[in-house]
Amino acid sequence: MKPKITGTIIILLNIWWAYFNLRFIYLYQNPDRYWFVMYPTWYLLLNSTIGFIGITLGIKIYQEKLKVPHGILIQIGLICVAFAIDFLYNY
């Protein structure tokens, strides 16, 4: 795989992941909206941190400081950690 394309995909995926979680933190502060189910702030911050780690990982792959297979394995590990936290919190 080409490092530029893979790095860009990983960066975009993690920007979306971090934005999605930070947006909920922002929306939870608005008293005009009622939420039936709310995630705790620590959960959203932890997922946002995982997103920011993934963004730096994508930048390192893009700059070819990290090989693509290693970067993909680390990214898969980060996603597995995020889903494990989600599973443990919700069940």
N, C-alpha and C. Protein backbone atom coordinates (compact mmCIF):
# COMPACT_ATOMS: atom_id res chain seq x y z
N MET A 1 0.83 -1.19 0.00
CA MET A 1 0.00 0.00 0.00
C MET A 1 0.87 1.25 0.00
N LYS A 2 0.29 2.29 -0.54
CA LYS A 2 1.03 3.54 -0.55
C LYS A 2 0.82 4.26 0.77
N PRO A 3 1.92 4.76 1.35
CA PRO A 3 1.81 5.42 2.65
C PRO A 3 0.99 6.71 2.63
N LYS A 4 1.00 7.45 1.54
CA LYS A 4 0.26 8.71 1.48
C LYS A 4 -1.25 8.45 1.51
N ILE A 5 -1.70 7.47 0.75
CA ILE A 5 -3.13 7.17 0.71
C ILE A 5 -3.58 6.57 2.03
N THR A 6 -2.82 5.62 2.55
CA THR A 6 -3.18 4.98 3.81
C THR A 6 -3.16 5.99 4.96
N GLY A 7 -2.15 6.83 5.00
CA GLY A 7 -2.07 7.86 6.03
C GLY A 7 -3.24 8.82 5.97
N THR A 8 -3.63 9.21 4.76
CA THR A 8 -4.77 10.12 4.61
C THR A 8 -6.06 9.47 5.08
N ILE A 9 -6.27 8.22 4.74
CA ILE A 9 -7.47 7.51 5.17
C ILE A 9 -7.52 7.40 6.69
N ILE A 10 -6.40 7.06 7.31
CA ILE A 10 -6.35 6.94 8.77
C ILE A 10 -6.57 8.30 9.43
N ILE A 11 -6.00 9.35 8.87
CA ILE A 11 -6.20 10.69 9.42
C ILE A 11 -7.67 11.09 9.35
N LEU A 12 -8.31 10.87 8.21
CA LEU A 12 -9.72 11.23 8.05
C LEU A 12 -10.63 10.41 8.97
N LEU A 13 -10.34 9.13 9.10
CA LEU A 13 -11.12 8.28 9.99
C LEU A 13 -11.04 8.76 11.43
N ASN A 14 -9.85 9.12 11.88
CA ASN A 14 -9.67 9.55 13.26
C ASN A 14 -10.14 10.97 13.51
N ILE A 15 -10.10 11.83 12.49
CA ILE A 15 -10.70 13.16 12.64
C ILE A 15 -12.20 13.01 12.85
N TRP A 16 -12.83 12.13 12.08
CA TRP A 16 -14.26 11.88 12.26
C TRP A 16 -14.55 11.32 13.64
N TRP A 17 -13.71 10.38 14.09
CA TRP A 17 -13.91 9.75 15.41
C TRP A 17 -13.81 10.78 16.54
N ALA A 18 -12.79 11.62 16.48
CA ALA A 18 -12.60 12.64 17.53
C ALA A 18 -13.71 13.69 17.46
N TYR A 19 -14.08 14.12 16.25
CA TYR A 19 -15.13 15.13 16.09
C TYR A 19 -16.46 14.60 16.62
N PHE A 20 -16.79 13.36 16.32
CA PHE A 20 -18.04 12.75 16.75
C PHE A 20 -18.16 12.77 18.27
N ASN A 21 -17.08 12.44 18.97
CA ASN A 21 -17.12 12.41 20.43
C ASN A 21 -17.07 13.82 21.04
N LEU A 22 -16.27 14.71 20.47
CA LEU A 22 -16.19 16.08 21.00
C LEU A 22 -17.49 16.83 20.75
N ARG A 23 -18.17 16.50 19.65
CA ARG A 23 -19.45 17.15 19.37
C ARG A 23 -20.49 16.80 20.44
N PHE A 24 -20.48 15.55 20.91
CA PHE A 24 -21.41 15.17 21.96
C PHE A 24 -21.10 15.90 23.26
N ILE A 25 -19.83 16.08 23.58
CA ILE A 25 -19.48 16.84 24.78
C ILE A 25 -20.04 18.25 24.68
N TYR A 26 -19.90 18.85 23.51
CA TYR A 26 -20.42 20.20 23.31
C TYR A 26 -21.95 20.23 23.39
N LEU A 27 -22.60 19.29 22.74
CA LEU A 27 -24.07 19.27 22.73
C LEU A 27 -24.67 18.97 24.09
N TYR A 28 -23.97 18.22 24.91
CA TYR A 28 -24.48 17.91 26.24
C TYR A 28 -24.52 19.14 27.14
N GLN A 29 -23.76 20.18 26.80
CA GLN A 29 -23.73 21.39 27.61
C GLN A 29 -24.93 22.30 27.34
N ASN A 30 -25.69 22.02 26.30
CA ASN A 30 -26.83 22.85 25.93
C ASN A 30 -28.06 22.41 26.72
N PRO A 31 -28.61 23.26 27.57
CA PRO A 31 -29.76 22.86 28.39
C PRO A 31 -31.08 22.82 27.63
N ASP A 32 -31.11 23.31 26.39
CA ASP A 32 -32.35 23.33 25.62
C ASP A 32 -32.72 21.96 25.06
N ARG A 33 -31.78 21.06 25.05
CA ARG A 33 -32.01 19.76 24.44
C ARG A 33 -32.06 18.70 25.53
N TYR A 34 -33.04 17.80 25.42
CA TYR A 34 -33.16 16.71 26.39
C TYR A 34 -32.63 15.43 25.76
N TRP A 35 -31.75 14.76 26.49
CA TRP A 35 -31.15 13.51 26.02
C TRP A 35 -31.72 12.35 26.82
N PHE A 36 -32.18 11.35 26.12
CA PHE A 36 -32.70 10.16 26.78
C PHE A 36 -31.55 9.32 27.35
N VAL A 37 -30.50 9.21 26.59
CA VAL A 37 -29.30 8.47 27.02
C VAL A 37 -28.10 9.38 26.80
N MET A 38 -27.26 9.52 27.83
CA MET A 38 -26.06 10.34 27.71
C MET A 38 -24.85 9.52 28.11
N TYR A 39 -23.80 9.64 27.31
CA TYR A 39 -22.53 9.02 27.67
C TYR A 39 -21.82 9.91 28.68
N PRO A 40 -21.07 9.34 29.61
CA PRO A 40 -20.33 10.19 30.54
C PRO A 40 -19.17 10.90 29.83
N THR A 41 -18.76 12.00 30.42
CA THR A 41 -17.72 12.82 29.80
C THR A 41 -16.40 12.07 29.71
N TRP A 42 -16.05 11.26 30.70
CA TRP A 42 -14.79 10.52 30.66
C TRP A 42 -14.76 9.56 29.47
N TYR A 43 -15.90 8.98 29.16
CA TYR A 43 -16.00 8.05 28.03
C TYR A 43 -15.76 8.79 26.72
N LEU A 44 -16.39 9.94 26.56
CA LEU A 44 -16.23 10.71 25.33
C LEU A 44 -14.82 11.28 25.20
N LEU A 45 -14.23 11.73 26.32
CA LEU A 45 -12.86 12.23 26.27
C LEU A 45 -11.86 11.13 25.95
N LEU A 46 -12.09 9.94 26.49
CA LEU A 46 -11.21 8.81 26.20
C LEU A 46 -11.27 8.44 24.72
N ASN A 47 -12.46 8.41 24.15
CA ASN A 47 -12.59 8.12 22.72
C ASN A 47 -12.00 9.23 21.87
N SER A 48 -12.12 10.48 22.30
CA SER A 48 -11.50 11.59 21.57
C SER A 48 -9.99 11.48 21.61
N THR A 49 -9.45 11.08 22.76
CA THR A 49 -8.00 10.88 22.89
C THR A 49 -7.52 9.77 21.96
N ILE A 50 -8.29 8.70 21.86
CA ILE A 50 -7.95 7.63 20.93
C ILE A 50 -7.95 8.18 19.50
N GLY A 51 -8.90 9.06 19.18
CA GLY A 51 -8.92 9.68 17.86
C GLY A 51 -7.70 10.54 17.60
N PHE A 52 -7.28 11.33 18.60
CA PHE A 52 -6.10 12.18 18.43
C PHE A 52 -4.82 11.34 18.31
N ILE A 53 -4.75 10.24 19.03
CA ILE A 53 -3.60 9.33 18.88
C ILE A 53 -3.57 8.77 17.46
N GLY A 54 -4.75 8.42 16.96
CA GLY A 54 -4.84 7.91 15.59
C GLY A 54 -4.47 8.95 14.55
N ILE A 55 -4.79 10.22 14.81
CA ILE A 55 -4.41 11.28 13.87
C ILE A 55 -2.89 11.39 13.80
N THR A 56 -2.22 11.37 14.95
CA THR A 56 -0.75 11.42 14.93
C THR A 56 -0.16 10.18 14.28
N LEU A 57 -0.82 9.05 14.46
CA LEU A 57 -0.38 7.82 13.80
C LEU A 57 -0.49 7.96 12.28
N GLY A 58 -1.60 8.52 11.81
CA GLY A 58 -1.78 8.73 10.38
C GLY A 58 -0.77 9.71 9.82
N ILE A 59 -0.42 10.74 10.59
CA ILE A 59 0.59 11.70 10.14
C ILE A 59 1.95 11.02 10.01
N LYS A 60 2.27 10.16 10.97
CA LYS A 60 3.56 9.45 10.90
C LYS A 60 3.61 8.51 9.71
N ILE A 61 2.49 7.88 9.38
CA ILE A 61 2.45 7.01 8.19
C ILE A 61 2.57 7.86 6.93
N TYR A 62 1.88 8.99 6.90
CA TYR A 62 1.92 9.88 5.74
C TYR A 62 3.34 10.39 5.50
N GLN A 63 4.06 10.71 6.57
CA GLN A 63 5.44 11.20 6.45
C GLN A 63 6.44 10.06 6.28
N GLU A 64 5.96 8.83 6.26
CA GLU A 64 6.76 7.62 6.09
C GLU A 64 7.76 7.42 7.22
N LYS A 65 7.41 7.87 8.42
CA LYS A 65 8.22 7.60 9.61
C LYS A 65 7.80 6.28 10.25
N LEU A 66 6.66 5.76 9.83
CA LEU A 66 6.12 4.50 10.34
C LEU A 66 5.66 3.69 9.14
N LYS A 67 6.00 2.42 9.14
CA LYS A 67 5.62 1.57 8.02
C LYS A 67 4.11 1.31 8.04
N VAL A 68 3.55 1.13 6.86
CA VAL A 68 2.10 0.98 6.71
C VAL A 68 1.56 -0.23 7.48
N PRO A 69 2.16 -1.43 7.38
CA PRO A 69 1.57 -2.56 8.12
C PRO A 69 1.58 -2.35 9.64
N HIS A 70 2.64 -1.76 10.15
CA HIS A 70 2.70 -1.49 11.59
C HIS A 70 1.64 -0.46 11.99
N GLY A 71 1.48 0.57 11.17
CA GLY A 71 0.49 1.59 11.46
C GLY A 71 -0.93 1.05 11.43
N ILE A 72 -1.20 0.17 10.46
CA ILE A 72 -2.53 -0.42 10.38
C ILE A 72 -2.80 -1.32 11.59
N LEU A 73 -1.80 -2.07 12.01
CA LEU A 73 -1.98 -2.91 13.20
C LEU A 73 -2.23 -2.07 14.46
N ILE A 74 -1.52 -0.97 14.60
CA ILE A 74 -1.74 -0.10 15.75
C ILE A 74 -3.13 0.53 15.67
N GLN A 75 -3.54 0.93 14.47
CA GLN A 75 -4.88 1.51 14.30
C GLN A 75 -5.97 0.49 14.63
N ILE A 76 -5.80 -0.73 14.19
CA ILE A 76 -6.77 -1.79 14.52
C ILE A 76 -6.80 -2.01 16.03
N GLY A 77 -5.63 -1.96 16.67
CA GLY A 77 -5.58 -2.09 18.13
C GLY A 77 -6.32 -0.96 18.83
N LEU A 78 -6.16 0.28 18.33
CA LEU A 78 -6.88 1.42 18.92
C LEU A 78 -8.39 1.26 18.76
N ILE A 79 -8.82 0.81 17.59
CA ILE A 79 -10.25 0.60 17.36
C ILE A 79 -10.78 -0.50 18.27
N CYS A 80 -10.00 -1.56 18.44
CA CYS A 80 -10.42 -2.64 19.34
C CYS A 80 -10.53 -2.16 20.79
N VAL A 81 -9.60 -1.32 21.21
CA VAL A 81 -9.67 -0.75 22.57
C VAL A 81 -10.92 0.10 22.72
N ALA A 82 -11.22 0.91 21.71
CA ALA A 82 -12.41 1.77 21.78
C ALA A 82 -13.68 0.91 21.84
N PHE A 83 -13.76 -0.14 21.04
CA PHE A 83 -14.94 -1.00 21.08
C PHE A 83 -15.02 -1.80 22.37
N ALA A 84 -13.87 -2.17 22.93
CA ALA A 84 -13.88 -2.88 24.22
C ALA A 84 -14.38 -1.96 25.33
N ILE A 85 -13.97 -0.71 25.31
CA ILE A 85 -14.47 0.25 26.30
C ILE A 85 -15.97 0.43 26.13
N ASP A 86 -16.42 0.53 24.89
CA ASP A 86 -17.86 0.67 24.62
C ASP A 86 -18.62 -0.57 25.11
N PHE A 87 -18.09 -1.74 24.85
CA PHE A 87 -18.74 -2.97 25.28
C PHE A 87 -18.80 -3.08 26.80
N LEU A 88 -17.68 -2.77 27.46
CA LEU A 88 -17.65 -2.86 28.91
C LEU A 88 -18.55 -1.81 29.57
N TYR A 89 -18.66 -0.64 28.97
CA TYR A 89 -19.49 0.40 29.55
C TYR A 89 -20.98 0.09 29.36
N ASN A 90 -21.35 -0.38 28.19
CA ASN A 90 -22.76 -0.58 27.88
C ASN A 90 -23.32 -1.91 28.36
N TYR A 91 -22.47 -2.88 28.68
CA TYR A 91 -23.00 -4.18 29.09
C TYR A 91 -22.42 -4.53 30.40
